[in-house]
Amino acid sequence: MTAAWRILGPAQEETDAAVAWYEEQRPTLGMELLDERDAALAIALEHPEMGAPVATVDGRVVRRVLLRRFPYALVMVHEGGVTTVVAMAHLHREPGYWRSRLDPR
C-alpha cells in the first residue's frame, strides 16, 4: 500500500529551484537531487517516526529528514495518515523559515 502524501506549493517551488540550480552546475545533477529527495521521502513514508523532531505545532510533530549528498532536508508533518512536505529546506539558510506554513488546525 502506498502512503498518502502531498507537498505544499512553496516546498515544490523550493524543490524546482534547487533542481534548476544544480542542473546549471552540471547536467543531470539536478535530477540526482530529485532522485535523492524521492528516496528520502519513500523511506519517511514507510517510517513516519523517522527524522529528527524539529518543532511541535498544535500537537503535531514536525520532522526533518536529511538528504545524504545535498545540503537539504525535507521538513514534514505526519497527520491523519497523510504526510505533508512543508519545505525542502536548505540547511545553511534561514532556519525555521517554514514555520509560517503550518496552519493551526
PDB file of N, CA and C in Angstrom:
ATOM      1  N   MET A   1       0.835  -1.177   0.000  1.00  0.00           N
ATOM      2  CA  MET A   1       0.000   0.000   0.000  1.00  0.00           C
ATOM      3  C   MET A   1       0.889   1.252   0.000  1.00  0.00           C
ATOM      4  N   THR A   2       0.556   2.201  -0.841  1.00  0.00           N
ATOM      5  CA  THR A   2       1.302   3.444  -0.917  1.00  0.00           C
ATOM      6  C   THR A   2       0.729   4.438   0.082  1.00  0.00           C
ATOM      7  N   ALA A   3       1.598   5.025   0.875  1.00  0.00           N
ATOM      8  CA  ALA A   3       1.162   6.021   1.853  1.00  0.00           C
ATOM      9  C   ALA A   3       0.772   7.303   1.134  1.00  0.00           C
ATOM     10  N   ALA A   4      -0.206   7.997   1.693  1.00  0.00           N
ATOM     11  CA  ALA A   4      -0.665   9.255   1.103  1.00  0.00           C
ATOM     12  C   ALA A   4       0.277  10.387   1.494  1.00  0.00           C
ATOM     13  N   TRP A   5       0.555  11.260   0.527  1.00  0.00           N
ATOM     14  CA  TRP A   5       1.401  12.410   0.822  1.00  0.00           C
ATOM     15  C   TRP A   5       1.022  13.544  -0.103  1.00  0.00           C
ATOM     16  N   ARG A   6       1.442  14.732   0.316  1.00  0.00           N
ATOM     17  CA  ARG A   6       1.254  15.923  -0.508  1.00  0.00           C
ATOM     18  C   ARG A   6       2.424  16.856  -0.230  1.00  0.00           C
ATOM     19  N   ILE A   7       2.649  17.763  -1.152  1.00  0.00           N
ATOM     20  CA  ILE A   7       3.721  18.728  -0.992  1.00  0.00           C
ATOM     21  C   ILE A   7       3.111  20.119  -1.129  1.00  0.00           C
ATOM     22  N   LEU A   8       3.400  20.976  -0.173  1.00  0.00           N
ATOM     23  CA  LEU A   8       2.892  22.342  -0.238  1.00  0.00           C
ATOM     24  C   LEU A   8       3.517  23.065  -1.422  1.00  0.00           C
ATOM     25  N   GLY A   9       2.786  24.006  -1.996  1.00  0.00           N
ATOM     26  CA  GLY A   9       3.273  24.763  -3.143  1.00  0.00           C
ATOM     27  C   GLY A   9       4.645  25.378  -2.934  1.00  0.00           C
ATOM     28  N   PRO A  10       4.877  26.065  -1.808  1.00  0.00           N
ATOM     29  CA  PRO A  10       6.200  26.646  -1.590  1.00  0.00           C
ATOM     30  C   PRO A  10       7.316  25.596  -1.521  1.00  0.00           C
ATOM     31  N   ALA A  11       7.018  24.421  -0.983  1.00  0.00           N
ATOM     32  CA  ALA A  11       8.018  23.349  -0.927  1.00  0.00           C
ATOM     33  C   ALA A  11       8.324  22.840  -2.331  1.00  0.00           C
ATOM     34  N   GLN A  12       7.311  22.770  -3.184  1.00  0.00           N
ATOM     35  CA  GLN A  12       7.537  22.361  -4.568  1.00  0.00           C
ATOM     36  C   GLN A  12       8.361  23.409  -5.308  1.00  0.00           C
ATOM     37  N   GLU A  13       8.084  24.680  -5.044  1.00  0.00           N
ATOM     38  CA  GLU A  13       8.862  25.754  -5.663  1.00  0.00           C
ATOM     39  C   GLU A  13      10.325  25.689  -5.230  1.00  0.00           C
ATOM     40  N   GLU A  14      10.564  25.405  -3.944  1.00  0.00           N
ATOM     41  CA  GLU A  14      11.935  25.258  -3.456  1.00  0.00           C
ATOM     42  C   GLU A  14      12.640  24.094  -4.151  1.00  0.00           C
ATOM     43  N   THR A  15      11.926  23.000  -4.311  1.00  0.00           N
ATOM     44  CA  THR A  15      12.484  21.827  -4.979  1.00  0.00           C
ATOM     45  C   THR A  15      12.831  22.157  -6.424  1.00  0.00           C
ATOM     46  N   ASP A  16      11.889  22.784  -7.125  1.00  0.00           N
ATOM     47  CA  ASP A  16      12.115  23.136  -8.532  1.00  0.00           C
ATOM     48  C   ASP A  16      13.317  24.068  -8.689  1.00  0.00           C
ATOM     49  N   ALA A  17      13.437  25.046  -7.791  1.00  0.00           N
ATOM     50  CA  ALA A  17      14.548  25.995  -7.861  1.00  0.00           C
ATOM     51  C   ALA A  17      15.879  25.292  -7.595  1.00  0.00           C
ATOM     52  N   ALA A  18      15.907  24.386  -6.630  1.00  0.00           N
ATOM     53  CA  ALA A  18      17.141  23.664  -6.323  1.00  0.00           C
ATOM     54  C   ALA A  18      17.541  22.759  -7.484  1.00  0.00           C
ATOM     55  N   VAL A  19      16.576  22.068  -8.056  1.00  0.00           N
ATOM     56  CA  VAL A  19      16.862  21.198  -9.205  1.00  0.00           C
ATOM     57  C   VAL A  19      17.414  22.031 -10.359  1.00  0.00           C
ATOM     58  N   ALA A  20      16.799  23.156 -10.646  1.00  0.00           N
ATOM     59  CA  ALA A  20      17.265  24.019 -11.737  1.00  0.00           C
ATOM     60  C   ALA A  20      18.685  24.515 -11.476  1.00  0.00           C
ATOM     61  N   TRP A  21      18.960  24.929 -10.245  1.00  0.00           N
ATOM     62  CA  TRP A  21      20.296  25.438  -9.915  1.00  0.00           C
ATOM     63  C   TRP A  21      21.353  24.347 -10.108  1.00  0.00           C
ATOM     64  N   TYR A  22      21.069  23.152  -9.605  1.00  0.00           N
ATOM     65  CA  TYR A  22      22.042  22.063  -9.737  1.00  0.00           C
ATOM     66  C   TYR A  22      22.205  21.628 -11.196  1.00  0.00           C
ATOM     67  N   GLU A  23      21.150  21.692 -11.976  1.00  0.00           N
ATOM     68  CA  GLU A  23      21.257  21.370 -13.407  1.00  0.00           C
ATOM     69  C   GLU A  23      22.175  22.360 -14.114  1.00  0.00           C
ATOM     70  N   GLU A  24      22.135  23.627 -13.686  1.00  0.00           N
ATOM     71  CA  GLU A  24      23.031  24.632 -14.270  1.00  0.00           C
ATOM     72  C   GLU A  24      24.488  24.342 -13.915  1.00  0.00           C
ATOM     73  N   GLN A  25      24.715  23.769 -12.742  1.00  0.00           N
ATOM     74  CA  GLN A  25      26.076  23.475 -12.307  1.00  0.00           C
ATOM     75  C   GLN A  25      26.670  22.304 -13.089  1.00  0.00           C
ATOM     76  N   ARG A  26      25.832  21.302 -13.301  1.00  0.00           N
ATOM     77  CA  ARG A  26      26.250  20.121 -14.061  1.00  0.00           C
ATOM     78  C   ARG A  26      25.008  19.382 -14.546  1.00  0.00           C
ATOM     79  N   PRO A  27      24.902  19.142 -15.842  1.00  0.00           N
ATOM     80  CA  PRO A  27      23.748  18.397 -16.341  1.00  0.00           C
ATOM     81  C   PRO A  27      23.595  17.074 -15.596  1.00  0.00           C
ATOM     82  N   THR A  28      22.395  16.745 -15.263  1.00  0.00           N
ATOM     83  CA  THR A  28      21.933  15.562 -14.518  1.00  0.00           C
ATOM     84  C   THR A  28      22.057  15.708 -13.009  1.00  0.00           C
ATOM     85  N   LEU A  29      22.805  16.693 -12.508  1.00  0.00           N
ATOM     86  CA  LEU A  29      22.954  16.829 -11.061  1.00  0.00           C
ATOM     87  C   LEU A  29      21.623  17.200 -10.400  1.00  0.00           C
ATOM     88  N   GLY A  30      20.834  18.013 -11.058  1.00  0.00           N
ATOM     89  CA  GLY A  30      19.516  18.359 -10.528  1.00  0.00           C
ATOM     90  C   GLY A  30      18.611  17.141 -10.420  1.00  0.00           C
ATOM     91  N   MET A  31      18.698  16.268 -11.409  1.00  0.00           N
ATOM     92  CA  MET A  31      17.886  15.053 -11.370  1.00  0.00           C
ATOM     93  C   MET A  31      18.376  14.115 -10.268  1.00  0.00           C
ATOM     94  N   GLU A  32      19.675  14.140  -9.998  1.00  0.00           N
ATOM     95  CA  GLU A  32      20.204  13.342  -8.891  1.00  0.00           C
ATOM     96  C   GLU A  32      19.656  13.851  -7.552  1.00  0.00           C
ATOM     97  N   LEU A  33      19.546  15.166  -7.429  1.00  0.00           N
ATOM     98  CA  LEU A  33      18.939  15.753  -6.229  1.00  0.00           C
ATOM     99  C   LEU A  33      17.488  15.283  -6.096  1.00  0.00           C
ATOM    100  N   LEU A  34      16.757  15.335  -7.182  1.00  0.00           N
ATOM    101  CA  LEU A  34      15.355  14.917  -7.158  1.00  0.00           C
ATOM    102  C   LEU A  34      15.228  13.438  -6.803  1.00  0.00           C
ATOM    103  N   ASP A  35      16.105  12.605  -7.356  1.00  0.00           N
ATOM    104  CA  ASP A  35      16.083  11.175  -7.019  1.00  0.00           C
ATOM    105  C   ASP A  35      16.351  10.967  -5.529  1.00  0.00           C
ATOM    106  N   GLU A  36      17.288  11.736  -4.997  1.00  0.00           N
ATOM    107  CA  GLU A  36      17.600  11.604  -3.578  1.00  0.00           C
ATOM    108  C   GLU A  36      16.438  12.080  -2.710  1.00  0.00           C
ATOM    109  N   ARG A  37      15.796  13.158  -3.122  1.00  0.00           N
ATOM    110  CA  ARG A  37      14.611  13.638  -2.405  1.00  0.00           C
ATOM    111  C   ARG A  37      13.533  12.561  -2.398  1.00  0.00           C
ATOM    112  N   ASP A  38      13.316  11.951  -3.561  1.00  0.00           N
ATOM    113  CA  ASP A  38      12.288  10.910  -3.665  1.00  0.00           C
ATOM    114  C   ASP A  38      12.619   9.699  -2.795  1.00  0.00           C
ATOM    115  N   ALA A  39      13.898   9.334  -2.733  1.00  0.00           N
ATOM    116  CA  ALA A  39      14.311   8.194  -1.900  1.00  0.00           C
ATOM    117  C   ALA A  39      14.082   8.506  -0.420  1.00  0.00           C
ATOM    118  N   ALA A  40      14.445   9.714  -0.002  1.00  0.00           N
ATOM    119  CA  ALA A  40      14.239  10.107   1.397  1.00  0.00           C
ATOM    120  C   ALA A  40      12.756  10.128   1.734  1.00  0.00           C
ATOM    121  N   LEU A  41      11.952  10.627   0.814  1.00  0.00           N
ATOM    122  CA  LEU A  41      10.509  10.670   1.036  1.00  0.00           C
ATOM    123  C   LEU A  41       9.922   9.264   1.137  1.00  0.00           C
ATOM    124  N   ALA A  42      10.361   8.365   0.285  1.00  0.00           N
ATOM    125  CA  ALA A  42       9.856   6.987   0.316  1.00  0.00           C
ATOM    126  C   ALA A  42      10.142   6.325   1.659  1.00  0.00           C
ATOM    127  N   ILE A  43      11.346   6.526   2.170  1.00  0.00           N
ATOM    128  CA  ILE A  43      11.699   5.946   3.474  1.00  0.00           C
ATOM    129  C   ILE A  43      10.866   6.582   4.583  1.00  0.00           C
ATOM    130  N   ALA A  44      10.696   7.901   4.514  1.00  0.00           N
ATOM    131  CA  ALA A  44       9.905   8.598   5.540  1.00  0.00           C
ATOM    132  C   ALA A  44       8.447   8.155   5.511  1.00  0.00           C
ATOM    133  N   LEU A  45       7.924   7.857   4.333  1.00  0.00           N
ATOM    134  CA  LEU A  45       6.537   7.388   4.241  1.00  0.00           C
ATOM    135  C   LEU A  45       6.390   5.998   4.852  1.00  0.00           C
ATOM    136  N   GLU A  46       7.415   5.175   4.712  1.00  0.00           N
ATOM    137  CA  GLU A  46       7.387   3.840   5.314  1.00  0.00           C
ATOM    138  C   GLU A  46       7.553   3.888   6.829  1.00  0.00           C
ATOM    139  N   HIS A  47       8.308   4.898   7.300  1.00  0.00           N
ATOM    140  CA  HIS A  47       8.643   5.015   8.722  1.00  0.00           C
ATOM    141  C   HIS A  47       8.325   6.435   9.191  1.00  0.00           C
ATOM    142  N   PRO A  48       7.049   6.732   9.467  1.00  0.00           N
ATOM    143  CA  PRO A  48       6.646   8.097   9.806  1.00  0.00           C
ATOM    144  C   PRO A  48       7.342   8.691  11.029  1.00  0.00           C
ATOM    145  N   GLU A  49       7.884   7.875  11.896  1.00  0.00           N
ATOM    146  CA  GLU A  49       8.569   8.395  13.080  1.00  0.00           C
ATOM    147  C   GLU A  49      10.045   8.687  12.801  1.00  0.00           C
ATOM    148  N   MET A  50      10.460   8.453  11.572  1.00  0.00           N
ATOM    149  CA  MET A  50      11.852   8.712  11.199  1.00  0.00           C
ATOM    150  C   MET A  50      12.086  10.210  11.080  1.00  0.00           C
ATOM    151  N   GLY A  51      13.276  10.603  11.350  1.00  0.00           N
ATOM    152  CA  GLY A  51      13.636  12.009  11.229  1.00  0.00           C
ATOM    153  C   GLY A  51      13.631  12.691  12.582  1.00  0.00           C
ATOM    154  N   ALA A  52      14.453  13.703  12.667  1.00  0.00           N
ATOM    155  CA  ALA A  52      14.575  14.431  13.925  1.00  0.00           C
ATOM    156  C   ALA A  52      13.391  15.364  14.121  1.00  0.00           C
ATOM    157  N   PRO A  53      12.739  15.316  15.287  1.00  0.00           N
ATOM    158  CA  PRO A  53      11.683  16.292  15.549  1.00  0.00           C
ATOM    159  C   PRO A  53      12.314  17.676  15.681  1.00  0.00           C
ATOM    160  N   VAL A  54      11.768  18.637  14.937  1.00  0.00           N
ATOM    161  CA  VAL A  54      12.326  19.995  14.970  1.00  0.00           C
ATOM    162  C   VAL A  54      11.344  21.015  15.544  1.00  0.00           C
ATOM    163  N   ALA A  55      10.091  20.621  15.682  1.00  0.00           N
ATOM    164  CA  ALA A  55       9.086  21.529  16.239  1.00  0.00           C
ATOM    165  C   ALA A  55       7.840  20.728  16.573  1.00  0.00           C
ATOM    166  N   THR A  56       7.017  21.311  17.436  1.00  0.00           N
ATOM    167  CA  THR A  56       5.679  20.794  17.691  1.00  0.00           C
ATOM    168  C   THR A  56       4.730  21.969  17.526  1.00  0.00           C
ATOM    169  N   VAL A  57       3.751  21.800  16.651  1.00  0.00           N
ATOM    170  CA  VAL A  57       2.791  22.864  16.372  1.00  0.00           C
ATOM    171  C   VAL A  57       1.397  22.291  16.568  1.00  0.00           C
ATOM    172  N   ASP A  58       0.665  22.841  17.511  1.00  0.00           N
ATOM    173  CA  ASP A  58      -0.684  22.362  17.819  1.00  0.00           C
ATOM    174  C   ASP A  58      -0.718  20.845  18.010  1.00  0.00           C
ATOM    175  N   GLY A  59       0.278  20.321  18.699  1.00  0.00           N
ATOM    176  CA  GLY A  59       0.329  18.893  18.979  1.00  0.00           C
ATOM    177  C   GLY A  59       0.870  18.044  17.848  1.00  0.00           C
ATOM    178  N   ARG A  60       1.158  18.651  16.712  1.00  0.00           N
ATOM    179  CA  ARG A  60       1.714  17.916  15.570  1.00  0.00           C
ATOM    180  C   ARG A  60       3.235  18.005  15.619  1.00  0.00           C
ATOM    181  N   VAL A  61       3.882  16.879  15.458  1.00  0.00           N
ATOM    182  CA  VAL A  61       5.346  16.841  15.463  1.00  0.00           C
ATOM    183  C   VAL A  61       5.843  17.087  14.040  1.00  0.00           C
ATOM    184  N   VAL A  62       6.701  18.068  13.904  1.00  0.00           N
ATOM    185  CA  VAL A  62       7.318  18.379  12.618  1.00  0.00           C
ATOM    186  C   VAL A  62       8.682  17.717  12.611  1.00  0.00           C
ATOM    187  N   ARG A  63       8.952  16.930  11.567  1.00  0.00           N
ATOM    188  CA  ARG A  63      10.208  16.183  11.490  1.00  0.00           C
ATOM    189  C   ARG A  63      11.039  16.627  10.295  1.00  0.00           C
ATOM    190  N   ARG A  64      12.341  16.464  10.453  1.00  0.00           N
ATOM    191  CA  ARG A  64      13.286  16.819   9.395  1.00  0.00           C
ATOM    192  C   ARG A  64      14.055  15.571   9.000  1.00  0.00           C
ATOM    193  N   VAL A  65      14.073  15.284   7.692  1.00  0.00           N
ATOM    194  CA  VAL A  65      14.828  14.157   7.163  1.00  0.00           C
ATOM    195  C   VAL A  65      15.899  14.715   6.235  1.00  0.00           C
ATOM    196  N   LEU A  66      17.150  14.433   6.563  1.00  0.00           N
ATOM    197  CA  LEU A  66      18.265  14.955   5.782  1.00  0.00           C
ATOM    198  C   LEU A  66      18.472  14.168   4.496  1.00  0.00           C
ATOM    199  N   LEU A  67      18.842  14.879   3.442  1.00  0.00           N
ATOM    200  CA  LEU A  67      19.287  14.213   2.223  1.00  0.00           C
ATOM    201  C   LEU A  67      20.761  13.877   2.417  1.00  0.00           C
ATOM    202  N   ARG A  68      21.222  12.849   1.770  1.00  0.00           N
ATOM    203  CA  ARG A  68      22.598  12.390   2.004  1.00  0.00           C
ATOM    204  C   ARG A  68      23.645  13.253   1.311  1.00  0.00           C
ATOM    205  N   ARG A  69      23.494  13.493   0.040  1.00  0.00           N
ATOM    206  CA  ARG A  69      24.554  14.155  -0.741  1.00  0.00           C
ATOM    207  C   ARG A  69      24.394  15.655  -0.871  1.00  0.00           C
ATOM    208  N   PHE A  70      23.247  16.163  -0.559  1.00  0.00           N
ATOM    209  CA  PHE A  70      22.952  17.572  -0.791  1.00  0.00           C
ATOM    210  C   PHE A  70      22.604  18.247   0.529  1.00  0.00           C
ATOM    211  N   PRO A  71      22.871  19.546   0.639  1.00  0.00           N
ATOM    212  CA  PRO A  71      22.605  20.243   1.910  1.00  0.00           C
ATOM    213  C   PRO A  71      21.143  20.659   2.064  1.00  0.00           C
ATOM    214  N   TYR A  72      20.264  19.684   1.981  1.00  0.00           N
ATOM    215  CA  TYR A  72      18.826  19.925   2.095  1.00  0.00           C
ATOM    216  C   TYR A  72      18.204  18.932   3.049  1.00  0.00           C
ATOM    217  N   ALA A  73      17.052  19.320   3.570  1.00  0.00           N
ATOM    218  CA  ALA A  73      16.250  18.429   4.398  1.00  0.00           C
ATOM    219  C   ALA A  73      14.795  18.570   3.992  1.00  0.00           C
ATOM    220  N   LEU A  74      14.084  17.472   4.070  1.00  0.00           N
ATOM    221  CA  LEU A  74      12.628  17.525   3.917  1.00  0.00           C
ATOM    222  C   LEU A  74      12.048  17.805   5.297  1.00  0.00           C
ATOM    223  N   VAL A  75      11.194  18.796   5.374  1.00  0.00           N
ATOM    224  CA  VAL A  75      10.502  19.123   6.618  1.00  0.00           C
ATOM    225  C   VAL A  75       9.063  18.646   6.430  1.00  0.00           C
ATOM    226  N   MET A  76       8.624  17.739   7.315  1.00  0.00           N
ATOM    227  CA  MET A  76       7.347  17.062   7.107  1.00  0.00           C
ATOM    228  C   MET A  76       6.526  16.952   8.377  1.00  0.00           C
ATOM    229  N   VAL A  77       5.223  16.843   8.161  1.00  0.00           N
ATOM    230  CA  VAL A  77       4.270  16.582   9.238  1.00  0.00           C
ATOM    231  C   VAL A  77       3.460  15.360   8.832  1.00  0.00           C
ATOM    232  N   HIS A  78       3.344  14.402   9.738  1.00  0.00           N
ATOM    233  CA  HIS A  78       2.513  13.222   9.513  1.00  0.00           C
ATOM    234  C   HIS A  78       1.249  13.408  10.342  1.00  0.00           C
ATOM    235  N   GLU A  79       0.108  13.388   9.664  1.00  0.00           N
ATOM    236  CA  GLU A  79      -1.140  13.613  10.384  1.00  0.00           C
ATOM    237  C   GLU A  79      -2.292  12.935   9.654  1.00  0.00           C
ATOM    238  N   GLY A  80      -3.069  12.174  10.390  1.00  0.00           N
ATOM    239  CA  GLY A  80      -4.255  11.544   9.823  1.00  0.00           C
ATOM    240  C   GLY A  80      -3.966  10.658   8.631  1.00  0.00           C
ATOM    241  N   GLY A  81      -2.826   9.967   8.642  1.00  0.00           N
ATOM    242  CA  GLY A  81      -2.483   9.067   7.558  1.00  0.00           C
ATOM    243  C   GLY A  81      -1.921   9.754   6.327  1.00  0.00           C
ATOM    244  N   VAL A  82      -1.704  11.046   6.395  1.00  0.00           N
ATOM    245  CA  VAL A  82      -1.157  11.807   5.271  1.00  0.00           C
ATOM    246  C   VAL A  82       0.129  12.506   5.718  1.00  0.00           C
ATOM    247  N   THR A  83       1.147  12.418   4.891  1.00  0.00           N
ATOM    248  CA  THR A  83       2.397  13.127   5.133  1.00  0.00           C
ATOM    249  C   THR A  83       2.395  14.379   4.280  1.00  0.00           C
ATOM    250  N   THR A  84       2.640  15.514   4.912  1.00  0.00           N
ATOM    251  CA  THR A  84       2.716  16.786   4.196  1.00  0.00           C
ATOM    252  C   THR A  84       4.153  17.275   4.222  1.00  0.00           C
ATOM    253  N   VAL A  85       4.715  17.481   3.028  1.00  0.00           N
ATOM    254  CA  VAL A  85       6.045  18.066   2.913  1.00  0.00           C
ATOM    255  C   VAL A  85       5.862  19.574   2.996  1.00  0.00           C
ATOM    256  N   VAL A  86       6.370  20.153   4.054  1.00  0.00           N
ATOM    257  CA  VAL A  86       6.213  21.575   4.337  1.00  0.00           C
ATOM    258  C   VAL A  86       7.310  22.387   3.657  1.00  0.00           C
ATOM    259  N   ALA A  87       8.517  21.808   3.578  1.00  0.00           N
ATOM    260  CA  ALA A  87       9.641  22.541   2.985  1.00  0.00           C
ATOM    261  C   ALA A  87      10.698  21.579   2.481  1.00  0.00           C
ATOM    262  N   MET A  88      11.394  22.028   1.461  1.00  0.00           N
ATOM    263  CA  MET A  88      12.647  21.415   1.008  1.00  0.00           C
ATOM    264  C   MET A  88      13.680  22.457   1.418  1.00  0.00           C
ATOM    265  N   ALA A  89      14.131  22.349   2.652  1.00  0.00           N
ATOM    266  CA  ALA A  89      14.897  23.409   3.295  1.00  0.00           C
ATOM    267  C   ALA A  89      16.396  23.245   3.084  1.00  0.00           C
ATOM    268  N   HIS A  90      17.031  24.306   2.624  1.00  0.00           N
ATOM    269  CA  HIS A  90      18.495  24.332   2.537  1.00  0.00           C
ATOM    270  C   HIS A  90      19.030  24.433   3.963  1.00  0.00           C
ATOM    271  N   LEU A  91      20.003  23.630   4.282  1.00  0.00           N
ATOM    272  CA  LEU A  91      20.474  23.540   5.662  1.00  0.00           C
ATOM    273  C   LEU A  91      21.289  24.739   6.126  1.00  0.00           C
ATOM    274  N   HIS A  92      21.734  25.574   5.196  1.00  0.00           N
ATOM    275  CA  HIS A  92      22.585  26.699   5.575  1.00  0.00           C
ATOM    276  C   HIS A  92      21.899  28.047   5.399  1.00  0.00           C
ATOM    277  N   ARG A  93      20.576  28.029   5.328  1.00  0.00           N
ATOM    278  CA  ARG A  93      19.825  29.271   5.145  1.00  0.00           C
ATOM    279  C   ARG A  93      18.629  29.325   6.085  1.00  0.00           C
ATOM    280  N   GLU A  94      18.385  30.440   6.659  1.00  0.00           N
ATOM    281  CA  GLU A  94      17.182  30.766   7.428  1.00  0.00           C
ATOM    282  C   GLU A  94      16.518  29.590   8.147  1.00  0.00           C
ATOM    283  N   PRO A  95      17.093  29.102   9.211  1.00  0.00           N
ATOM    284  CA  PRO A  95      16.455  28.001   9.938  1.00  0.00           C
ATOM    285  C   PRO A  95      15.048  28.385  10.406  1.00  0.00           C
ATOM    286  N   GLY A  96      14.128  27.467  10.256  1.00  0.00           N
ATOM    287  CA  GLY A  96      12.770  27.657  10.763  1.00  0.00           C
ATOM    288  C   GLY A  96      11.877  28.572   9.955  1.00  0.00           C
ATOM    289  N   TYR A  97      12.329  29.046   8.794  1.00  0.00           N
ATOM    290  CA  TYR A  97      11.514  29.955   7.979  1.00  0.00           C
ATOM    291  C   TYR A  97      10.174  29.341   7.582  1.00  0.00           C
ATOM    292  N   TRP A  98      10.108  28.039   7.532  1.00  0.00           N
ATOM    293  CA  TRP A  98       8.933  27.313   7.073  1.00  0.00           C
ATOM    294  C   TRP A  98       7.821  27.253   8.122  1.00  0.00           C
ATOM    295  N   ARG A  99       8.081  27.677   9.334  1.00  0.00           N
ATOM    296  CA  ARG A  99       7.072  27.578  10.406  1.00  0.00           C
ATOM    297  C   ARG A  99       5.766  28.292  10.057  1.00  0.00           C
ATOM    298  N   SER A 100       5.870  29.365   9.302  1.00  0.00           N
ATOM    299  CA  SER A 100       4.654  30.103   8.936  1.00  0.00           C
ATOM    300  C   SER A 100       3.760  29.299   7.986  1.00  0.00           C
ATOM    301  N   ARG A 101       4.266  28.240   7.420  1.00  0.00           N
ATOM    302  CA  ARG A 101       3.480  27.396   6.506  1.00  0.00           C
ATOM    303  C   ARG A 101       2.584  26.413   7.229  1.00  0.00           C
ATOM    304  N   LEU A 102       2.784  26.270   8.519  1.00  0.00           N
ATOM    305  CA  LEU A 102       1.995  25.324   9.312  1.00  0.00           C
ATOM    306  C   LEU A 102       0.744  26.019   9.821  1.00  0.00           C
ATOM    307  N   ASP A 103      -0.359  25.758   9.185  1.00  0.00           N
ATOM    308  CA  ASP A 103      -1.624  26.366   9.605  1.00  0.00           C
ATOM    309  C   ASP A 103      -2.080  25.736  10.909  1.00  0.00           C
ATOM    310  N   PRO A 104      -2.577  26.586  11.812  1.00  0.00           N
ATOM    311  CA  PRO A 104      -3.196  25.996  13.007  1.00  0.00           C
ATOM    312  C   PRO A 104      -4.437  25.209  12.592  1.00  0.00           C
ATOM    313  N   ARG A 105      -4.723  24.178  13.310  1.00  0.00           N
ATOM    314  CA  ARG A 105      -5.905  23.374  12.969  1.00  0.00           C
ATOM    315  C   ARG A 105      -7.178  24.111  13.203  1.00  0.00           C
TER     316      ARG A 105
END
